């Protein structure tokens, strides 16, 4: 999984620069010395509350300078990393499905997996777009939304990211019985998809923390 994660990281350097995301809500409380201190400390503090903190640090710390001490930028980075992971997983599963080396049951499961991961890419793309809209509003480039609209947008992002996580889980669950190929095929699929599942879970944690700290 480490190799696939390294391939995700360079993709973020481009998208992060054009996506200074904002959410109409305050951040999860962070100790004052961390908020005012180093950027790496800020990322580490937020990653500590995710399901996979080591993975969170690995994928987000390289962008600490760009994130600064902004929870909204960190959320944008997490979603963009997850989107890149979904695209990589989809590409890998397409290769498996088209390789002609799988048994019929496994080939069918691989095609289903490609379809589900494609859905995940679309959902994560919508999430990033929604965050970009919020960024424009936060920076004064678009009218400020009502509190209700801002909350609805955060809820939508959480729904989409959660559905993407489910797509990854269902994809892996499809490789059982004959489709598992005595376990060998399932292991390969997990190697391609498990990283996406973990990235999705981390992104959900970060966005959810923002939603729970929305101002009164």
Protein backbone atom coordinates (compact mmCIF):
# COMPACT_ATOMS: atom_id res chain seq x y z
CA UNK A 1 0.00 0.00 0.00
CA UNK A 2 2.89 2.37 0.65
CA UNK A 3 3.83 2.33 -3.04
CA UNK A 4 0.32 3.23 -4.13
CA UNK A 5 0.16 6.01 -1.53
CA UNK A 6 3.41 7.51 -2.79
CA UNK A 7 1.85 7.64 -6.26
CA UNK A 8 -1.10 9.59 -4.82
CA UNK A 9 0.96 12.33 -3.21
CA UNK A 10 2.36 14.09 -6.31
CA UNK A 11 -1.15 14.50 -7.71
CA UNK A 12 -2.17 16.59 -4.73
CA UNK A 13 0.45 19.28 -5.28
CA UNK A 14 -1.47 20.55 -8.31
CA UNK A 15 -5.04 20.30 -7.06
CA UNK A 16 -4.31 21.67 -3.60
CA UNK A 17 -2.95 24.95 -4.96
CA UNK A 18 -6.24 25.62 -6.74
CA UNK A 19 -8.53 24.47 -3.93
CA UNK A 20 -8.37 26.65 -0.84
CA UNK A 21 -11.47 25.11 0.59
CA UNK A 22 -13.57 26.64 3.31
CA UNK A 23 -16.55 25.47 5.30
CA UNK A 24 -18.88 27.85 7.12
CA UNK A 25 -17.99 26.44 10.50
CA UNK A 26 -15.25 26.59 13.06
CA UNK A 27 -12.58 23.97 13.49
CA UNK A 28 -12.29 21.26 16.07
CA UNK A 29 -10.61 22.92 19.07
CA UNK A 30 -6.82 22.72 18.94
CA UNK A 31 -4.48 23.78 21.75
CA UNK A 32 -3.35 27.40 21.28
CA UNK A 33 0.33 26.48 21.08
CA UNK A 34 -0.45 24.16 18.17
CA UNK A 35 -2.70 26.60 16.29
CA UNK A 36 -0.04 29.26 16.54
CA UNK A 37 2.89 26.94 16.13
CA UNK A 38 4.34 24.91 13.32
CA UNK A 39 2.18 23.74 10.45
CA UNK A 40 3.34 20.16 10.85
CA UNK A 41 2.11 20.23 14.45
CA UNK A 42 -1.29 21.41 13.26
CA UNK A 43 -1.62 18.53 10.81
CA UNK A 44 -0.41 16.04 13.41
CA UNK A 45 -2.94 17.31 15.95
CA UNK A 46 -5.83 16.87 13.55
CA UNK A 47 -4.60 13.54 12.24
CA UNK A 48 -4.53 12.23 15.80
CA UNK A 49 -8.34 12.23 15.77
CA UNK A 50 -8.68 10.17 12.59
CA UNK A 51 -9.10 6.43 12.27
CA UNK A 52 -5.67 5.97 10.70
CA UNK A 53 -3.45 8.73 12.12
CA UNK A 54 -0.18 7.38 10.72
CA UNK A 55 -1.64 7.28 7.22
CA UNK A 56 -3.13 10.74 7.74
CA UNK A 57 0.27 12.16 8.67
CA UNK A 58 1.97 10.37 5.79
CA UNK A 59 -0.40 11.76 3.18
CA UNK A 60 -1.07 15.23 4.55
CA UNK A 61 2.15 16.32 6.28
CA UNK A 62 3.92 17.01 2.94
CA UNK A 63 1.35 19.77 2.39
CA UNK A 64 1.53 21.30 5.86
CA UNK A 65 2.95 24.56 4.52
CA UNK A 66 0.06 24.95 2.07
CA UNK A 67 -2.52 23.98 4.68
CA UNK A 68 -1.15 26.37 7.30
CA UNK A 69 -3.39 26.28 10.35
CA UNK A 70 -6.65 26.17 8.38
CA UNK A 71 -8.95 23.21 9.08
CA UNK A 72 -10.80 23.94 5.84
CA UNK A 73 -7.63 23.66 3.79
CA UNK A 74 -6.76 20.46 5.61
CA UNK A 75 -10.20 19.05 4.77
CA UNK A 76 -9.69 20.02 1.15
CA UNK A 77 -6.31 18.27 1.12
CA UNK A 78 -7.80 15.12 2.67
CA UNK A 79 -10.58 14.97 0.08
CA UNK A 80 -8.18 15.60 -2.78
CA UNK A 81 -5.83 12.86 -1.60
CA UNK A 82 -8.80 10.51 -1.36
CA UNK A 83 -9.97 11.44 -4.85
CA UNK A 84 -6.51 10.71 -6.22
CA UNK A 85 -6.53 7.39 -4.37
CA UNK A 86 -9.90 6.51 -5.88
CA UNK A 87 -8.61 7.25 -9.38
CA UNK A 88 -5.54 5.09 -8.80
CA UNK A 89 -7.63 2.23 -7.43
CA UNK A 90 -10.02 2.46 -10.39
CA UNK A 91 -7.13 2.34 -12.84
CA UNK A 92 -5.64 -0.71 -11.11
CA UNK A 93 -8.96 -2.57 -11.05
CA UNK A 94 -9.61 -1.75 -14.71
CA UNK A 95 -6.27 -3.39 -15.48
CA UNK A 96 -7.29 -6.50 -13.55
CA UNK A 97 -10.69 -6.67 -15.21
CA UNK A 98 -9.22 -6.31 -18.71
CA UNK A 99 -6.23 -8.57 -18.15
CA UNK A 100 -7.99 -11.78 -19.17
CA UNK A 101 -6.30 -13.78 -16.42
CA UNK A 102 -9.17 -13.98 -13.94
CA UNK A 103 -11.67 -16.78 -13.53
CA UNK A 104 -15.20 -15.87 -14.70
CA UNK A 105 -16.48 -15.19 -11.16
CA UNK A 106 -13.49 -13.02 -10.32
CA UNK A 107 -13.70 -11.18 -13.65
CA UNK A 108 -17.34 -10.34 -12.99
CA UNK A 109 -16.49 -9.13 -9.48
CA UNK A 110 -13.68 -7.00 -10.92
CA UNK A 111 -16.04 -5.36 -13.41
CA UNK A 112 -18.49 -4.62 -10.61
CA UNK A 113 -15.66 -3.18 -8.58
CA UNK A 114 -14.61 -0.89 -11.43
CA UNK A 115 -18.18 0.41 -11.63
CA UNK A 116 -18.35 1.06 -7.87
CA UNK A 117 -14.97 2.77 -7.79
CA UNK A 118 -16.03 4.90 -10.73
CA UNK A 119 -19.00 5.99 -8.65
CA UNK A 120 -16.63 6.79 -5.79
CA UNK A 121 -14.53 9.00 -8.07
CA UNK A 122 -17.65 10.90 -9.08
CA UNK A 123 -18.82 11.35 -5.49
CA UNK A 124 -15.42 12.51 -4.29
CA UNK A 125 -15.18 14.88 -7.22
CA UNK A 126 -18.50 16.43 -6.17
CA UNK A 127 -17.15 16.75 -2.64
CA UNK A 128 -14.09 18.65 -3.82
CA UNK A 129 -16.24 20.91 -6.01
CA UNK A 130 -18.50 21.73 -3.06
CA UNK A 131 -15.50 22.61 -0.94
CA UNK A 132 -14.13 24.80 -3.73
CA UNK A 133 -17.41 26.71 -3.84
CA UNK A 134 -17.16 27.27 -0.10
CA UNK A 135 -13.60 28.50 -0.58
CA UNK A 136 -14.72 31.12 -3.08
CA UNK A 137 -17.31 32.35 -0.60
CA UNK A 138 -14.82 32.37 2.25
CA UNK A 139 -12.40 34.47 0.22
CA UNK A 140 -15.08 36.95 -0.81
CA UNK A 141 -15.18 35.80 -4.43
CA UNK A 142 -18.84 34.76 -4.16
CA UNK A 143 -21.80 35.78 -2.00
CA UNK A 144 -21.91 34.28 1.47
CA UNK A 145 -24.45 31.45 1.74
CA UNK A 146 -27.05 31.23 4.46
CA UNK A 147 -26.17 29.14 7.49
CA UNK A 148 -28.71 26.56 6.36
CA UNK A 149 -27.12 26.31 2.92
CA UNK A 150 -23.64 26.00 4.42
CA UNK A 151 -24.80 23.21 6.71
CA UNK A 152 -26.52 21.46 3.82
CA UNK A 153 -23.30 21.58 1.82
CA UNK A 154 -21.27 20.04 4.65
CA UNK A 155 -23.92 17.35 5.07
CA UNK A 156 -23.77 16.63 1.34
CA UNK A 157 -19.98 16.28 1.43
CA UNK A 158 -20.24 13.88 4.36
CA UNK A 159 -22.88 11.85 2.53
CA UNK A 160 -20.82 11.65 -0.66
CA UNK A 161 -17.59 10.75 1.13
CA UNK A 162 -19.41 8.12 3.19
CA UNK A 163 -20.86 6.59 0.03
CA UNK A 164 -17.37 6.49 -1.51
CA UNK A 165 -16.12 4.63 1.57
CA UNK A 166 -18.97 2.14 1.20
CA UNK A 167 -18.13 1.63 -2.50
CA UNK A 168 -14.60 0.62 -1.56
CA UNK A 169 -15.78 -1.76 1.14
CA UNK A 170 -18.37 -3.39 -1.13
CA UNK A 171 -15.76 -3.75 -3.86
CA UNK A 172 -13.51 -5.80 -1.58
CA UNK A 173 -16.44 -7.80 -0.20
CA UNK A 174 -17.29 -8.91 -3.73
CA UNK A 175 -14.19 -11.11 -3.86
CA UNK A 176 -15.37 -14.06 -1.81
CA UNK A 177 -15.91 -17.71 -2.64
CA UNK A 178 -14.97 -18.52 -6.22
CA UNK A 179 -14.24 -14.85 -6.94
CA UNK A 180 -11.53 -14.89 -4.27
CA UNK A 181 -9.38 -17.28 -6.31
CA UNK A 182 -8.30 -19.26 -3.22
CA UNK A 183 -7.53 -15.93 -1.55
CA UNK A 184 -4.93 -14.76 -4.04
CA UNK A 185 -7.21 -12.49 -6.06
CA UNK A 186 -8.74 -11.01 -2.94
CA UNK A 187 -5.29 -10.11 -1.61
CA UNK A 188 -4.46 -8.26 -4.81
CA UNK A 189 -7.76 -6.40 -4.71
CA UNK A 190 -7.22 -5.42 -1.09
CA UNK A 191 -3.78 -4.09 -1.99
CA UNK A 192 -5.37 -1.84 -4.62
CA UNK A 193 -8.47 -0.73 -2.70
CA UNK A 194 -7.74 -0.82 1.03
CA UNK A 195 -5.69 2.38 0.87
CA UNK A 196 -8.69 4.18 -0.64
CA UNK A 197 -10.95 2.90 2.13
CA UNK A 198 -8.58 4.18 4.79
CA UNK A 199 -8.13 7.54 3.08
CA UNK A 200 -11.91 7.91 2.83
CA UNK A 201 -12.32 7.15 6.53
CA UNK A 202 -9.74 9.79 7.44
CA UNK A 203 -11.32 12.42 5.21
CA UNK A 204 -14.68 11.71 6.80
CA UNK A 205 -13.21 12.20 10.26
CA UNK A 206 -11.75 15.57 9.34
CA UNK A 207 -14.85 16.91 7.59
CA UNK A 208 -17.11 15.58 10.33
CA UNK A 209 -15.01 17.36 12.97
CA UNK A 210 -15.61 20.61 11.12
CA UNK A 211 -19.34 19.96 10.87
CA UNK A 212 -19.63 19.24 14.59
CA UNK A 213 -17.95 22.55 15.41
CA UNK A 214 -20.26 24.75 13.31
CA UNK A 215 -20.88 28.10 15.01
CA UNK A 216 -24.24 28.69 16.73
